[in-house]
Amino acid sequence: MSGYELLARDLAACGREGFTGELHVLGSPGGIFHLHGGLVVAVESPGAPAPEALLLRSGRIGGEEWAGLVRESGGVRWPAAGLIAHGYAGAAQLRVVCAMALQDAVFAVVAGSVDGCERGPAAGPPPAPVAVGEPPTRLLQVASRKLGALLEQPYPVRPDRERPVPASLSYAAGRLGALQRELLAHADGRRTARDLAFRTGRGVYTVTVEVARMLGEGLLECVDAPRPIPVRLPPDGHGIRPREPAPPQPRQPSAPEATTLPRRSPGASGINEALTSEGNGAGTGWKEFFRLRNPTAK
């Protein structure tokens, strides 16, 4: 059974049984279906922008005003009453935003992979619920038709797969729509259609379809993945040899140790010389020695 069939089976069972609670969809990107009495009232998915992102993108409210409303309402995720009371949005506009976010999240779940589903009780009030719930089977059928139409494009793309870049093509900027200009500004080869949807604050389905169209018109292109760089080994076939250590430096010869000279006694030099002369047969040695020591002697 495929992931889509598994999701369809579990959602259909929730509808038949009038289930109230949460259906956690495991996979990539996955998501959470919030049901009340068997009808889907909200869907969360990391693969699609939440309602607050779409509302902030509209320009009716800024980030600081939004944070103030959340604090004022006690930390609720969707301060609908405060938005209406302060005049940031009307009730009809909020209903449209919630419905768009719900359908976009279902498309993101269906366009990804589904590994399994788990039921659970509601952890709290659903975020940004629609006033009238949607039958789960109809939601899946709409999402499936959107995915089929997207894959029939001349350049089909997936929300989380291709990473386009602007094509090197001259075009008149005045002929481009606002969304096209935004996508050209943010497409850098690292962002998928899902990333571009979060970046521009638009629905992931709307952005994915526009990316496919711009690929067909030559405004965007998908570059090939870089080829791996081959590693060339040395010709000896032994791979990379470890670095040989430097040869040891020759040791410097140590200085010779100082020798102790014999201590010289005063007058010893003259006596030794006289004795040496006497011993060598020079008879005048002793006489000359005493004459020098006693100059008054006759």
C-alpha atoms as a PDB file:
ATOM      1  CA  MET A   1       0.000   0.000   0.000  1.00  0.00           C
ATOM      2  CA  SER A   2       1.393   3.399  -1.016  1.00  0.00           C
ATOM      3  CA  GLY A   3       1.695   6.327   1.355  1.00  0.00           C
ATOM      4  CA  TYR A   4      -1.206   8.129  -0.303  1.00  0.00           C
ATOM      5  CA  GLU A   5      -3.448   5.068  -0.024  1.00  0.00           C
ATOM      6  CA  LEU A   6      -2.491   4.699   3.635  1.00  0.00           C
ATOM      7  CA  LEU A   7      -3.387   8.316   4.344  1.00  0.00           C
ATOM      8  CA  ALA A   8      -6.638   8.064   2.385  1.00  0.00           C
ATOM      9  CA  ARG A   9      -7.655   4.928   4.285  1.00  0.00           C
ATOM     10  CA  ASP A  10      -7.008   6.414   7.719  1.00  0.00           C
ATOM     11  CA  LEU A  11      -8.680   9.740   6.923  1.00  0.00           C
ATOM     12  CA  ALA A  12     -11.708   7.957   5.484  1.00  0.00           C
ATOM     13  CA  ALA A  13     -11.965   5.915   8.694  1.00  0.00           C
ATOM     14  CA  CYS A  14     -11.829   9.104  10.758  1.00  0.00           C
ATOM     15  CA  GLY A  15     -14.680  10.547   8.684  1.00  0.00           C
ATOM     16  CA  ARG A  16     -16.868   7.454   9.006  1.00  0.00           C
ATOM     17  CA  GLU A  17     -16.328   7.214  12.747  1.00  0.00           C
ATOM     18  CA  GLY A  18     -16.861  10.925  13.399  1.00  0.00           C
ATOM     19  CA  PHE A  19     -13.432  11.106  15.004  1.00  0.00           C
ATOM     20  CA  THR A  20     -12.480  14.150  17.065  1.00  0.00           C
ATOM     21  CA  GLY A  21      -8.799  14.620  17.729  1.00  0.00           C
ATOM     22  CA  GLU A  22      -5.526  14.657  15.804  1.00  0.00           C
ATOM     23  CA  LEU A  23      -4.196  12.430  13.046  1.00  0.00           C
ATOM     24  CA  HIS A  24      -0.401  12.642  12.923  1.00  0.00           C
ATOM     25  CA  VAL A  25       1.030  11.904   9.489  1.00  0.00           C
ATOM     26  CA  LEU A  26       4.565  10.552   9.677  1.00  0.00           C
ATOM     27  CA  GLY A  27       6.862  11.252   6.761  1.00  0.00           C
ATOM     28  CA  SER A  28       8.460  14.114   4.926  1.00  0.00           C
ATOM     29  CA  PRO A  29       7.258  16.771   5.477  1.00  0.00           C
ATOM     30  CA  GLY A  30       4.356  15.129   7.324  1.00  0.00           C
ATOM     31  CA  GLY A  31       1.798  17.059   9.297  1.00  0.00           C
ATOM     32  CA  ILE A  32      -1.147  17.020  11.698  1.00  0.00           C
ATOM     33  CA  PHE A  33      -4.810  16.845  10.675  1.00  0.00           C
ATOM     34  CA  HIS A  34      -7.158  18.350  13.274  1.00  0.00           C
ATOM     35  CA  LEU A  35     -10.616  16.788  13.069  1.00  0.00           C
ATOM     36  CA  HIS A  36     -13.889  17.540  14.785  1.00  0.00           C
ATOM     37  CA  GLY A  37     -16.775  15.143  14.316  1.00  0.00           C
ATOM     38  CA  GLY A  38     -15.042  13.512  11.349  1.00  0.00           C
ATOM     39  CA  LEU A  39     -14.430  16.805   9.517  1.00  0.00           C
ATOM     40  CA  VAL A  40     -11.025  18.425   9.030  1.00  0.00           C
ATOM     41  CA  VAL A  41     -10.960  21.875  10.624  1.00  0.00           C
ATOM     42  CA  ALA A  42      -7.207  22.641  10.397  1.00  0.00           C
ATOM     43  CA  VAL A  43      -4.000  21.109   9.037  1.00  0.00           C
ATOM     44  CA  GLU A  44      -0.456  21.888  10.108  1.00  0.00           C
ATOM     45  CA  SER A  45       2.628  20.933   8.114  1.00  0.00           C
ATOM     46  CA  PRO A  46       6.243  22.106   8.115  1.00  0.00           C
ATOM     47  CA  GLY A  47       6.009  21.913   4.325  1.00  0.00           C
ATOM     48  CA  ALA A  48       3.630  24.874   3.964  1.00  0.00           C
ATOM     49  CA  PRO A  49       3.399  28.386   5.475  1.00  0.00           C
ATOM     50  CA  ALA A  50       0.968  28.761   8.358  1.00  0.00           C
ATOM     51  CA  PRO A  51      -1.998  31.178   8.214  1.00  0.00           C
ATOM     52  CA  GLU A  52      -0.131  33.858  10.157  1.00  0.00           C
ATOM     53  CA  ALA A  53       2.632  33.876   7.515  1.00  0.00           C
ATOM     54  CA  LEU A  54       0.066  34.452   4.776  1.00  0.00           C
ATOM     55  CA  LEU A  55      -1.617  37.193   6.791  1.00  0.00           C
ATOM     56  CA  LEU A  56       1.643  38.977   7.559  1.00  0.00           C
ATOM     57  CA  ARG A  57       2.571  38.799   3.879  1.00  0.00           C
ATOM     58  CA  SER A  58      -0.618  40.656   2.991  1.00  0.00           C
ATOM     59  CA  GLY A  59       0.751  43.762   4.728  1.00  0.00           C
ATOM     60  CA  ARG A  60      -2.347  44.381   6.832  1.00  0.00           C
ATOM     61  CA  ILE A  61      -0.390  43.757  10.034  1.00  0.00           C
ATOM     62  CA  GLY A  62       3.282  43.910  10.937  1.00  0.00           C
ATOM     63  CA  GLY A  63       5.380  41.638  13.081  1.00  0.00           C
ATOM     64  CA  GLU A  64       5.342  43.892  16.145  1.00  0.00           C
ATOM     65  CA  GLU A  65       1.552  44.317  16.007  1.00  0.00           C
ATOM     66  CA  TRP A  66       1.143  40.563  15.659  1.00  0.00           C
ATOM     67  CA  ALA A  67       3.327  39.884  18.696  1.00  0.00           C
ATOM     68  CA  GLY A  68       1.318  42.423  20.689  1.00  0.00           C
ATOM     69  CA  LEU A  69      -1.962  40.713  19.798  1.00  0.00           C
ATOM     70  CA  VAL A  70      -0.573  37.325  20.838  1.00  0.00           C
ATOM     71  CA  ARG A  71       0.455  38.699  24.230  1.00  0.00           C
ATOM     72  CA  GLU A  72      -2.867  40.472  24.627  1.00  0.00           C
ATOM     73  CA  SER A  73      -4.799  37.257  23.936  1.00  0.00           C
ATOM     74  CA  GLY A  74      -2.813  35.209  26.449  1.00  0.00           C
ATOM     75  CA  GLY A  75      -0.466  33.506  23.998  1.00  0.00           C
ATOM     76  CA  VAL A  76      -2.956  31.924  21.588  1.00  0.00           C
ATOM     77  CA  ARG A  77      -1.493  31.063  18.204  1.00  0.00           C
ATOM     78  CA  TRP A  78      -4.314  32.601  16.174  1.00  0.00           C
ATOM     79  CA  PRO A  79      -5.699  35.785  17.819  1.00  0.00           C
ATOM     80  CA  ALA A  80      -8.670  36.123  15.492  1.00  0.00           C
ATOM     81  CA  ALA A  81     -10.755  38.202  17.915  1.00  0.00           C
ATOM     82  CA  GLY A  82      -7.962  40.719  18.378  1.00  0.00           C
ATOM     83  CA  LEU A  83      -7.324  40.971  14.640  1.00  0.00           C
ATOM     84  CA  ILE A  84     -10.946  41.862  14.048  1.00  0.00           C
ATOM     85  CA  ALA A  85     -11.273  44.139  17.088  1.00  0.00           C
ATOM     86  CA  HIS A  86      -8.225  46.219  16.133  1.00  0.00           C
ATOM     87  CA  GLY A  87      -9.260  46.404  12.501  1.00  0.00           C
ATOM     88  CA  TYR A  88      -6.293  44.529  11.080  1.00  0.00           C
ATOM     89  CA  ALA A  89      -8.506  42.108   9.163  1.00  0.00           C
ATOM     90  CA  GLY A  90     -12.147  41.322   8.681  1.00  0.00           C
ATOM     91  CA  ALA A  91     -13.898  38.088   9.530  1.00  0.00           C
ATOM     92  CA  ALA A  92     -14.335  37.188   5.851  1.00  0.00           C
ATOM     93  CA  GLN A  93     -10.652  37.712   5.116  1.00  0.00           C
ATOM     94  CA  LEU A  94      -9.634  35.519   8.031  1.00  0.00           C
ATOM     95  CA  ARG A  95     -11.898  32.738   6.803  1.00  0.00           C
ATOM     96  CA  VAL A  96     -10.257  32.887   3.374  1.00  0.00           C
ATOM     97  CA  VAL A  97      -6.751  32.844   4.869  1.00  0.00           C
ATOM     98  CA  CYS A  98      -7.562  29.839   7.073  1.00  0.00           C
ATOM     99  CA  ALA A  99      -9.073  27.893   4.166  1.00  0.00           C
ATOM    100  CA  MET A 100      -6.069  28.641   1.920  1.00  0.00           C
ATOM    101  CA  ALA A 101      -3.590  27.551   4.579  1.00  0.00           C
ATOM    102  CA  LEU A 102      -5.532  24.338   5.260  1.00  0.00           C
ATOM    103  CA  GLN A 103      -5.636  23.287   1.603  1.00  0.00           C
ATOM    104  CA  ASP A 104      -2.010  24.258   1.059  1.00  0.00           C
ATOM    105  CA  ALA A 105      -0.872  22.126   4.006  1.00  0.00           C
ATOM    106  CA  VAL A 106      -2.822  19.130   2.674  1.00  0.00           C
ATOM    107  CA  PHE A 107      -1.095  19.549  -0.707  1.00  0.00           C
ATOM    108  CA  ALA A 108       2.330  19.657   0.983  1.00  0.00           C
ATOM    109  CA  VAL A 109       1.585  16.423   2.856  1.00  0.00           C
ATOM    110  CA  VAL A 110       0.315  14.636  -0.267  1.00  0.00           C
ATOM    111  CA  ALA A 111       3.251  15.862  -2.411  1.00  0.00           C
ATOM    112  CA  GLY A 112       5.731  14.431   0.097  1.00  0.00           C
ATOM    113  CA  SER A 113       6.172  10.941   1.460  1.00  0.00           C
ATOM    114  CA  VAL A 114       3.844   9.265   3.973  1.00  0.00           C
ATOM    115  CA  ASP A 115       5.308   6.582   6.223  1.00  0.00           C
ATOM    116  CA  GLY A 116       2.374   6.075   8.558  1.00  0.00           C
ATOM    117  CA  CYS A 117      -0.488   7.652  10.513  1.00  0.00           C
ATOM    118  CA  GLU A 118      -1.231   7.764  14.217  1.00  0.00           C
ATOM    119  CA  ARG A 119      -4.390   8.951  15.960  1.00  0.00           C
ATOM    120  CA  GLY A 120      -4.304  10.894  19.176  1.00  0.00           C
ATOM    121  CA  PRO A 121      -6.444  13.129  21.372  1.00  0.00           C
ATOM    122  CA  ALA A 122      -6.509  16.848  20.757  1.00  0.00           C
ATOM    123  CA  ALA A 123      -3.653  18.572  22.576  1.00  0.00           C
ATOM    124  CA  GLY A 124      -5.581  21.850  22.562  1.00  0.00           C
ATOM    125  CA  PRO A 125      -7.750  23.996  20.322  1.00  0.00           C
ATOM    126  CA  PRO A 126      -6.770  23.674  16.647  1.00  0.00           C
ATOM    127  CA  PRO A 127      -4.776  26.610  15.264  1.00  0.00           C
ATOM    128  CA  ALA A 128      -6.649  28.831  12.802  1.00  0.00           C
ATOM    129  CA  PRO A 129      -9.619  26.492  12.301  1.00  0.00           C
ATOM    130  CA  VAL A 130     -12.099  26.962   9.482  1.00  0.00           C
ATOM    131  CA  ALA A 131     -15.679  27.765  10.427  1.00  0.00           C
ATOM    132  CA  VAL A 132     -17.090  24.737   8.611  1.00  0.00           C
ATOM    133  CA  GLY A 133     -14.989  21.596   8.493  1.00  0.00           C
ATOM    134  CA  GLU A 134     -13.996  19.877   5.257  1.00  0.00           C
ATOM    135  CA  PRO A 135     -14.706  16.211   4.472  1.00  0.00           C
ATOM    136  CA  PRO A 136     -11.305  14.480   4.499  1.00  0.00           C
ATOM    137  CA  THR A 137     -11.937  12.509   1.301  1.00  0.00           C
ATOM    138  CA  ARG A 138     -12.697  15.626  -0.690  1.00  0.00           C
ATOM    139  CA  LEU A 139      -9.606  17.370   0.662  1.00  0.00           C
ATOM    140  CA  LEU A 140      -7.399  14.524  -0.506  1.00  0.00           C
ATOM    141  CA  GLN A 141      -9.009  14.465  -3.934  1.00  0.00           C
ATOM    142  CA  VAL A 142      -8.385  18.189  -4.446  1.00  0.00           C
ATOM    143  CA  ALA A 143      -4.768  17.851  -3.346  1.00  0.00           C
ATOM    144  CA  SER A 144      -4.268  14.839  -5.615  1.00  0.00           C
ATOM    145  CA  ARG A 145      -5.628  16.743  -8.634  1.00  0.00           C
ATOM    146  CA  LYS A 146      -3.272  19.640  -7.911  1.00  0.00           C
ATOM    147  CA  LEU A 147      -0.285  17.315  -7.756  1.00  0.00           C
ATOM    148  CA  GLY A 148      -1.305  15.592 -10.980  1.00  0.00           C
ATOM    149  CA  ALA A 149      -1.669  18.908 -12.809  1.00  0.00           C
ATOM    150  CA  LEU A 150       1.724  20.009 -11.549  1.00  0.00           C
ATOM    151  CA  LEU A 151       3.454  16.849 -12.747  1.00  0.00           C
ATOM    152  CA  GLU A 152       1.943  17.282 -16.214  1.00  0.00           C
ATOM    153  CA  GLN A 153       3.793  20.565 -16.711  1.00  0.00           C
ATOM    154  CA  PRO A 154       6.562  20.596 -19.368  1.00  0.00           C
ATOM    155  CA  TYR A 155       9.012  21.089 -16.497  1.00  0.00           C
ATOM    156  CA  PRO A 156       7.396  19.334 -13.510  1.00  0.00           C
ATOM    157  CA  VAL A 157       8.880  20.108 -10.115  1.00  0.00           C
ATOM    158  CA  ARG A 158       8.296  18.975  -6.570  1.00  0.00           C
ATOM    159  CA  PRO A 159       7.973  21.384  -3.630  1.00  0.00           C
ATOM    160  CA  ASP A 160      11.049  20.012  -1.874  1.00  0.00           C
ATOM    161  CA  ARG A 161      13.269  18.759  -4.697  1.00  0.00           C
ATOM    162  CA  GLU A 162      14.455  21.180  -7.405  1.00  0.00           C
ATOM    163  CA  ARG A 163      16.579  24.221  -6.534  1.00  0.00           C
ATOM    164  CA  PRO A 164      16.338  26.670  -9.443  1.00  0.00           C
ATOM    165  CA  VAL A 165      18.488  29.669 -10.315  1.00  0.00           C
ATOM    166  CA  PRO A 166      17.747  32.628 -12.613  1.00  0.00           C
ATOM    167  CA  ALA A 167      18.574  31.818 -16.219  1.00  0.00           C
ATOM    168  CA  SER A 168      21.055  33.919 -18.164  1.00  0.00           C
ATOM    169  CA  LEU A 169      18.299  35.334 -20.344  1.00  0.00           C
ATOM    170  CA  SER A 170      17.540  38.930 -21.217  1.00  0.00           C
ATOM    171  CA  TYR A 171      13.948  39.837 -20.487  1.00  0.00           C
ATOM    172  CA  ALA A 172      11.901  42.944 -19.887  1.00  0.00           C
ATOM    173  CA  ALA A 173      11.442  43.356 -16.146  1.00  0.00           C
ATOM    174  CA  GLY A 174       8.239  45.329 -16.744  1.00  0.00           C
ATOM    175  CA  ARG A 175       6.544  42.258 -18.206  1.00  0.00           C
ATOM    176  CA  LEU A 176       7.123  40.154 -15.108  1.00  0.00           C
ATOM    177  CA  GLY A 177       4.529  39.759 -12.398  1.00  0.00           C
ATOM    178  CA  ALA A 178       5.171  40.534  -8.755  1.00  0.00           C
ATOM    179  CA  LEU A 179       5.588  36.871  -7.835  1.00  0.00           C
ATOM    180  CA  GLN A 180       7.969  36.237 -10.730  1.00  0.00           C
ATOM    181  CA  ARG A 181      10.160  39.145  -9.677  1.00  0.00           C
ATOM    182  CA  GLU A 182      10.249  37.866  -6.105  1.00  0.00           C
ATOM    183  CA  LEU A 183      11.172  34.361  -7.187  1.00  0.00           C
ATOM    184  CA  LEU A 184      13.959  35.647  -9.428  1.00  0.00           C
ATOM    185  CA  ALA A 185      15.281  37.687  -6.518  1.00  0.00           C
ATOM    186  CA  HIS A 186      15.327  34.757  -4.071  1.00  0.00           C
ATOM    187  CA  ALA A 187      16.148  31.760  -6.297  1.00  0.00           C
ATOM    188  CA  ASP A 188      19.838  31.118  -5.669  1.00  0.00           C
ATOM    189  CA  GLY A 189      20.314  27.413  -6.311  1.00  0.00           C
ATOM    190  CA  ARG A 190      19.909  26.515  -2.633  1.00  0.00           C
ATOM    191  CA  ARG A 191      16.182  27.110  -2.127  1.00  0.00           C
ATOM    192  CA  THR A 192      13.430  24.730  -3.172  1.00  0.00           C
ATOM    193  CA  ALA A 193       9.893  25.817  -4.073  1.00  0.00           C
ATOM    194  CA  ARG A 194       8.931  25.183  -0.450  1.00  0.00           C
ATOM    195  CA  ASP A 195      11.771  27.436   0.743  1.00  0.00           C
ATOM    196  CA  LEU A 196      10.722  30.135  -1.714  1.00  0.00           C
ATOM    197  CA  ALA A 197       7.135  29.902  -0.445  1.00  0.00           C
ATOM    198  CA  PHE A 198       8.266  30.620   3.117  1.00  0.00           C
ATOM    199  CA  ARG A 199      10.600  33.338   1.888  1.00  0.00           C
ATOM    200  CA  THR A 200       7.897  35.161  -0.040  1.00  0.00           C
ATOM    201  CA  GLY A 201       4.995  34.376   2.305  1.00  0.00           C
ATOM    202  CA  ARG A 202       2.973  32.633  -0.409  1.00  0.00           C
ATOM    203  CA  GLY A 203       1.272  29.280  -0.690  1.00  0.00           C
ATOM    204  CA  VAL A 204       3.591  26.384  -1.491  1.00  0.00           C
ATOM    205  CA  TYR A 205       1.306  25.165  -4.286  1.00  0.00           C
ATOM    206  CA  THR A 206       1.145  28.624  -5.884  1.00  0.00           C
ATOM    207  CA  VAL A 207       4.940  28.994  -5.774  1.00  0.00           C
ATOM    208  CA  THR A 208       5.603  25.469  -7.056  1.00  0.00           C
ATOM    209  CA  VAL A 209       3.320  25.985 -10.057  1.00  0.00           C
ATOM    210  CA  GLU A 210       4.951  29.349 -10.830  1.00  0.00           C
ATOM    211  CA  VAL A 211       8.426  27.813 -10.620  1.00  0.00           C
ATOM    212  CA  ALA A 212       7.380  25.150 -13.128  1.00  0.00           C
ATOM    213  CA  ARG A 213       6.032  27.815 -15.490  1.00  0.00           C
ATOM    214  CA  MET A 214       9.162  29.949 -15.209  1.00  0.00           C
ATOM    215  CA  LEU A 215      11.289  26.907 -15.992  1.00  0.00           C
ATOM    216  CA  GLY A 216       9.228  26.377 -19.133  1.00  0.00           C
ATOM    217  CA  GLU A 217       9.586  30.034 -20.123  1.00  0.00           C
ATOM    218  CA  GLY A 218      13.330  30.015 -19.601  1.00  0.00           C
ATOM    219  CA  LEU A 219      13.284  32.480 -16.713  1.00  0.00           C
ATOM    220  CA  LEU A 220      14.602  29.852 -14.286  1.00  0.00           C
ATOM    221  CA  GLU A 221      16.806  26.838 -14.761  1.00  0.00           C
ATOM    222  CA  CYS A 222      17.991  23.935 -12.651  1.00  0.00           C
ATOM    223  CA  VAL A 223      21.732  23.452 -12.768  1.00  0.00           C
ATOM    224  CA  ASP A 224      23.203  19.998 -12.668  1.00  0.00           C
ATOM    225  CA  ALA A 225      24.851  18.765  -9.517  1.00  0.00           C
ATOM    226  CA  PRO A 226      28.618  19.365  -9.493  1.00  0.00           C
ATOM    227  CA  ARG A 227      30.706  16.428 -10.593  1.00  0.00           C
ATOM    228  CA  PRO A 228      32.978  14.818  -8.013  1.00  0.00           C
ATOM    229  CA  ILE A 229      36.633  15.761  -8.270  1.00  0.00           C
ATOM    230  CA  PRO A 230      38.814  12.677  -8.964  1.00  0.00           C
ATOM    231  CA  VAL A 231      41.696  12.044  -6.605  1.00  0.00           C
ATOM    232  CA  ARG A 232      44.954  11.198  -8.368  1.00  0.00           C
ATOM    233  CA  LEU A 233      47.352   8.915  -6.524  1.00  0.00           C
ATOM    234  CA  PRO A 234      51.145   9.010  -6.868  1.00  0.00           C
ATOM    235  CA  PRO A 235      52.554   6.890  -9.708  1.00  0.00           C
ATOM    236  CA  ASP A 236      54.135   4.361  -7.336  1.00  0.00           C
ATOM    237  CA  GLY A 237      50.668   3.133  -6.464  1.00  0.00           C
ATOM    238  CA  HIS A 238      51.214   3.308  -2.714  1.00  0.00           C
ATOM    239  CA  GLY A 239      48.768   6.116  -2.124  1.00  0.00           C
ATOM    240  CA  ILE A 240      49.662   9.093  -0.044  1.00  0.00           C
ATOM    241  CA  ARG A 241      52.863   8.426   1.813  1.00  0.00           C
ATOM    242  CA  PRO A 242      53.315   9.746   5.326  1.00  0.00           C
ATOM    243  CA  ARG A 243      55.654  12.638   5.732  1.00  0.00           C
ATOM    244  CA  GLU A 244      59.159  11.531   6.637  1.00  0.00           C
ATOM    245  CA  PRO A 245      60.609  13.131   9.758  1.00  0.00           C
ATOM    246  CA  ALA A 246      63.500  15.539   9.320  1.00  0.00           C
ATOM    247  CA  PRO A 247      66.985  14.039   9.904  1.00  0.00           C
ATOM    248  CA  PRO A 248      68.376  14.707  13.368  1.00  0.00           C
ATOM    249  CA  GLN A 249      70.722  17.661  13.655  1.00  0.00           C
ATOM    250  CA  PRO A 250      74.416  16.767  14.411  1.00  0.00           C
ATOM    251  CA  ARG A 251      75.378  17.396  17.987  1.00  0.00           C
ATOM    252  CA  GLN A 252      77.787  20.233  18.600  1.00  0.00           C
ATOM    253  CA  PRO A 253      81.098  19.128  20.200  1.00  0.00           C
ATOM    254  CA  SER A 254      81.220  20.039  23.830  1.00  0.00           C
ATOM    255  CA  ALA A 255      83.880  22.445  25.055  1.00  0.00           C
ATOM    256  CA  PRO A 256      86.863  20.732  26.719  1.00  0.00           C
ATOM    257  CA  GLU A 257      86.802  20.778  30.449  1.00  0.00           C
ATOM    258  CA  ALA A 258      89.153  23.249  32.055  1.00  0.00           C
ATOM    259  CA  THR A 259      92.217  21.641  33.646  1.00  0.00           C
ATOM    260  CA  THR A 260      93.636  22.833  36.959  1.00  0.00           C
ATOM    261  CA  LEU A 261      97.125  24.328  36.570  1.00  0.00           C
ATOM    262  CA  PRO A 262      99.739  23.712  39.286  1.00  0.00           C
ATOM    263  CA  ARG A 263      99.956  26.534  41.782  1.00  0.00           C
ATOM    264  CA  ARG A 264     103.065  28.678  41.351  1.00  0.00           C
ATOM    265  CA  SER A 265     105.122  29.595  44.437  1.00  0.00           C
ATOM    266  CA  PRO A 266     106.938  32.981  44.597  1.00  0.00           C
ATOM    267  CA  GLY A 267     110.608  32.665  43.652  1.00  0.00           C
ATOM    268  CA  ALA A 268     110.188  29.084  42.503  1.00  0.00           C
ATOM    269  CA  SER A 269     110.740  30.006  38.922  1.00  0.00           C
ATOM    270  CA  GLY A 270     114.261  31.397  39.518  1.00  0.00           C
ATOM    271  CA  ILE A 271     115.305  28.438  41.667  1.00  0.00           C
ATOM    272  CA  ASN A 272     114.013  25.980  39.131  1.00  0.00           C
ATOM    273  CA  GLU A 273     115.834  27.745  36.352  1.00  0.00           C
ATOM    274  CA  ALA A 274     119.069  27.813  38.390  1.00  0.00           C
ATOM    275  CA  LEU A 275     118.718  24.161  39.261  1.00  0.00           C
ATOM    276  CA  THR A 276     118.041  23.361  35.691  1.00  0.00           C
ATOM    277  CA  SER A 277     121.100  25.264  34.595  1.00  0.00           C
ATOM    278  CA  GLU A 278     123.221  23.565  37.295  1.00  0.00           C
ATOM    279  CA  GLY A 279     121.919  20.244  36.314  1.00  0.00           C
ATOM    280  CA  ASN A 280     122.841  20.939  32.740  1.00  0.00           C
ATOM    281  CA  GLY A 281     126.513  21.650  33.704  1.00  0.00           C
ATOM    282  CA  ALA A 282     126.361  25.450  33.610  1.00  0.00           C
ATOM    283  CA  GLY A 283     128.585  26.245  36.684  1.00  0.00           C
ATOM    284  CA  THR A 284     127.762  29.862  36.690  1.00  0.00           C
ATOM    285  CA  GLY A 285     124.109  29.315  37.357  1.00  0.00           C
ATOM    286  CA  TRP A 286     124.256  29.310  41.165  1.00  0.00           C
ATOM    287  CA  LYS A 287     126.674  32.206  41.334  1.00  0.00           C
ATOM    288  CA  GLU A 288     124.541  34.335  39.106  1.00  0.00           C
ATOM    289  CA  PHE A 289     121.483  33.510  41.103  1.00  0.00           C
ATOM    290  CA  PHE A 290     122.985  34.574  44.486  1.00  0.00           C
ATOM    291  CA  ARG A 291     124.515  37.691  42.955  1.00  0.00           C
ATOM    292  CA  LEU A 292     121.126  38.818  41.790  1.00  0.00           C
ATOM    293  CA  ARG A 293     119.542  38.108  45.188  1.00  0.00           C
ATOM    294  CA  ASN A 294     122.382  39.751  47.205  1.00  0.00           C
ATOM    295  CA  PRO A 295     123.800  42.602  45.118  1.00  0.00           C
ATOM    296  CA  THR A 296     126.012  43.874  48.039  1.00  0.00           C
ATOM    297  CA  ALA A 297     127.794  40.545  48.506  1.00  0.00           C
ATOM    298  CA  LYS A 298     131.415  40.508  47.308  1.00  0.00           C
END
